[in-house]
Amino acid sequence: MRKNAEYLKNRFTEEEIKEYETNLKLKKDHRVTKIGRMLRRTSLDELPQLWNILKGEMTFTGPRPIVEMELEKYKENKTKFLCLKPGLIGYWQAYSKADTTYEERMKMELFYTENESFWFDIRIFFKSIVTVIRKAIMDEKME
């Protein structure tokens, strides 16, 4: 992210505001630097979280970490979501499409909490590898 990312958020177009309110992210976020885009595209931006796994604060596979504002969206399902430690890779990341809404993401995260198992985590792990490679190839073609 750029140093003045919060200020740049105030300069979103109407379409960007709507997309951000729906998904809490933008497909083409002008606040992200070129290096940041490359790190995100290759998922290298996730590497520092390995330290959190070693400290026992996160797991390798689980629901993705969220901020307090996002937790409010889970309403009566907050406790269910918080019953597991956050994970480096998650079900919604591996199995969602590019146009997945935040509402769909929440449903996928809750599905994971209800179906969490060692074998499900193995499937998510391998699917994540395929997803990251496929996304990197598609992003490369678009540039």
Protein backbone atom coordinates (compact mmCIF):
# COMPACT_ATOMS: atom_id res chain seq x y z
CA MET A 1 0.00 0.00 0.00
CA ARG A 2 1.04 3.54 -0.57
CA LYS A 3 1.89 5.72 2.43
CA ASN A 4 -1.26 7.83 2.06
CA ALA A 5 -3.61 4.88 1.43
CA GLU A 6 -6.32 6.15 3.81
CA TYR A 7 -6.34 9.54 2.07
CA LEU A 8 -6.54 7.84 -1.35
CA LYS A 9 -9.60 5.93 -0.11
CA ASN A 10 -11.41 9.30 -0.06
CA ARG A 11 -10.72 9.62 -3.80
CA PHE A 12 -12.57 6.45 -4.84
CA THR A 13 -15.00 6.80 -7.71
CA GLU A 14 -18.68 5.96 -7.12
CA GLU A 15 -18.13 2.52 -8.67
CA GLU A 16 -15.10 1.91 -6.44
CA ILE A 17 -17.04 2.97 -3.33
CA LYS A 18 -19.83 0.54 -4.20
CA GLU A 19 -17.35 -2.28 -4.92
CA TYR A 20 -15.47 -1.59 -1.66
CA GLU A 21 -18.66 -1.48 0.42
CA THR A 22 -19.80 -4.79 -1.09
CA ASN A 23 -16.51 -6.71 -1.06
CA LEU A 24 -14.24 -4.74 1.32
CA LYS A 25 -11.64 -4.79 -1.46
CA LEU A 26 -11.12 -3.52 -5.00
CA LYS A 27 -10.14 -5.55 -8.05
CA LYS A 28 -7.97 -2.69 -9.29
CA ASP A 29 -6.84 -0.86 -6.16
CA HIS A 30 -4.76 2.20 -7.10
CA ARG A 31 -3.51 2.40 -3.49
CA VAL A 32 -1.34 -0.71 -4.05
CA THR A 33 2.17 -0.19 -5.42
CA LYS A 34 3.62 -2.18 -8.34
CA ILE A 35 5.72 -4.21 -5.92
CA GLY A 36 2.66 -4.74 -3.74
CA ARG A 37 0.67 -6.04 -6.73
CA MET A 38 3.45 -8.49 -7.53
CA LEU A 39 3.62 -9.63 -3.90
CA ARG A 40 -0.16 -10.11 -3.79
CA ARG A 41 -0.30 -11.84 -7.17
CA THR A 42 2.28 -14.39 -6.06
CA SER A 43 0.92 -14.50 -2.46
CA LEU A 44 4.40 -13.61 -1.16
CA ASP A 45 2.70 -10.95 0.98
CA GLU A 46 1.48 -13.84 3.16
CA LEU A 47 5.00 -15.04 4.11
CA PRO A 48 5.30 -12.87 7.26
CA GLN A 49 2.28 -14.72 8.63
CA LEU A 50 4.43 -17.86 8.88
CA TRP A 51 5.89 -16.25 12.00
CA ASN A 52 2.38 -16.05 13.47
CA ILE A 53 1.94 -19.77 12.76
CA LEU A 54 5.21 -20.57 14.53
CA LYS A 55 4.08 -18.46 17.53
CA GLY A 56 0.82 -20.44 17.64
CA GLU A 57 -1.41 -17.43 16.92
CA MET A 58 -2.48 -18.79 13.54
CA THR A 59 -2.85 -22.13 11.82
CA PHE A 60 -1.75 -23.05 8.33
CA THR A 61 -5.34 -23.58 7.11
CA GLY A 62 -8.38 -21.89 8.61
CA PRO A 63 -10.69 -18.92 8.31
CA ARG A 64 -8.80 -15.86 7.12
CA PRO A 65 -8.02 -13.17 9.70
CA ILE A 66 -10.40 -10.23 9.70
CA VAL A 67 -10.57 -6.83 11.36
CA GLU A 68 -13.16 -5.79 13.95
CA MET A 69 -15.28 -3.97 11.34
CA GLU A 70 -15.59 -7.20 9.34
CA LEU A 71 -16.45 -9.26 12.42
CA GLU A 72 -19.60 -7.15 12.90
CA LYS A 73 -20.87 -8.42 9.54
CA TYR A 74 -20.98 -11.98 10.93
CA LYS A 75 -23.74 -10.95 13.39
CA GLU A 76 -25.05 -14.05 15.24
CA ASN A 77 -22.31 -16.19 13.63
CA LYS A 78 -19.43 -14.30 15.29
CA THR A 79 -18.82 -17.02 17.85
CA LYS A 80 -18.84 -19.73 15.21
CA PHE A 81 -16.32 -17.77 13.14
CA LEU A 82 -14.07 -17.13 16.15
CA CYS A 83 -14.10 -20.77 17.33
CA LEU A 84 -11.04 -21.50 15.14
CA LYS A 85 -7.69 -19.75 14.93
CA PRO A 86 -7.25 -17.76 11.73
CA GLY A 87 -5.33 -19.47 8.94
CA LEU A 88 -2.69 -18.53 6.41
CA ILE A 89 -4.78 -20.07 3.65
CA GLY A 90 -8.53 -20.39 3.66
CA TYR A 91 -11.37 -22.19 1.99
CA TRP A 92 -12.78 -19.08 0.34
CA GLN A 93 -9.38 -18.15 -1.13
CA ALA A 94 -8.94 -21.54 -2.70
CA TYR A 95 -12.46 -22.06 -3.99
CA SER A 96 -13.89 -18.61 -4.68
CA LYS A 97 -14.16 -16.86 -8.01
CA ALA A 98 -12.74 -13.40 -8.70
CA ASP A 99 -16.17 -11.80 -8.35
CA THR A 100 -17.05 -13.37 -4.98
CA THR A 101 -18.88 -10.91 -2.75
CA TYR A 102 -18.08 -10.45 0.91
CA GLU A 103 -21.41 -12.09 1.77
CA GLU A 104 -20.36 -15.19 -0.20
CA ARG A 105 -16.96 -15.12 1.47
CA MET A 106 -18.61 -15.14 4.91
CA LYS A 107 -20.74 -18.13 3.93
CA MET A 108 -17.64 -19.98 2.74
CA GLU A 109 -15.75 -19.17 5.94
CA LEU A 110 -18.66 -20.42 8.05
CA PHE A 111 -18.89 -23.54 5.88
CA TYR A 112 -15.23 -24.18 6.71
CA THR A 113 -15.84 -23.81 10.46
CA GLU A 114 -18.63 -26.39 10.23
CA ASN A 115 -16.62 -28.87 8.12
CA GLU A 116 -13.06 -28.38 9.37
CA SER A 117 -10.96 -31.55 9.27
CA PHE A 118 -7.44 -32.67 8.46
CA TRP A 119 -8.46 -34.01 5.03
CA PHE A 120 -10.44 -30.87 4.21
CA ASP A 121 -7.32 -28.83 5.07
CA ILE A 122 -5.23 -31.02 2.75
CA ARG A 123 -7.70 -30.41 -0.11
CA ILE A 124 -7.65 -26.66 0.57
CA PHE A 125 -3.84 -26.64 0.62
CA PHE A 126 -3.51 -28.28 -2.81
CA LYS A 127 -6.37 -26.28 -4.30
CA SER A 128 -4.67 -23.09 -3.03
CA ILE A 129 -1.49 -23.94 -4.90
CA VAL A 130 -3.46 -24.42 -8.13
CA THR A 131 -5.42 -21.21 -7.52
CA VAL A 132 -2.30 -19.10 -6.89
CA ILE A 133 -0.57 -20.43 -10.02
CA ARG A 134 -3.69 -19.95 -12.16
CA LYS A 135 -4.21 -16.40 -10.83
CA ALA A 136 -0.57 -15.49 -11.48
CA ILE A 137 -0.81 -16.76 -15.05
CA MET A 138 -4.08 -14.88 -15.66
CA ASP A 139 -2.70 -11.65 -14.14
CA GLU A 140 0.43 -11.95 -16.25
CA LYS A 141 -1.68 -12.26 -19.41
CA MET A 142 -3.70 -9.17 -18.45
CA GLU A 143 -0.63 -6.94 -18.02
